């Protein structure tokens, strides 16, 4: 068994679509980033890389690479999961938390869970996604950005 954890955060900016867990969320701003800025999928991919002992997202998907600009983060996640499978590992389970003051994400959690399970090609009961706020503390609490963290367990296939 291998355990990894990941975290990501991006600023909310005008003129971008908000995508979390591969799901488009209605909001007046989206997340800044070289890719689509999906902090939830980035945290999950980072956790998988951590479990593999294989560096971080920047090593595999550098923001200096113009070919990756605007890339959908589900492609990042599926490529990272393929690395795990190439090493004979499968997802045991995933627990992820999105930290956001706004927008309200509760109504979208099941769609995120289903989408992530699909990207990882696992049953949805292996994926848990939850949300919390910072009760108006800090940059996330001022709705300046959104953060996410994830923990994964990888097991021999």
Foldseek 3Di string as FASTA:
>chain_A
DFKFKFKDKFFWDAPAFAAELNDTDDDRTHGDDQASRHQNLQGVLQRLCRRVVNDHPCVVPNSVDNVRGHHDSLVSNLVSLVVQVVVQKAWQAKEKEKEALDDDCVVPQVVSLVSNCVSRVHDSVRYHYYYDYPCLPDCRSVVRMMMMMMMTDIDGD
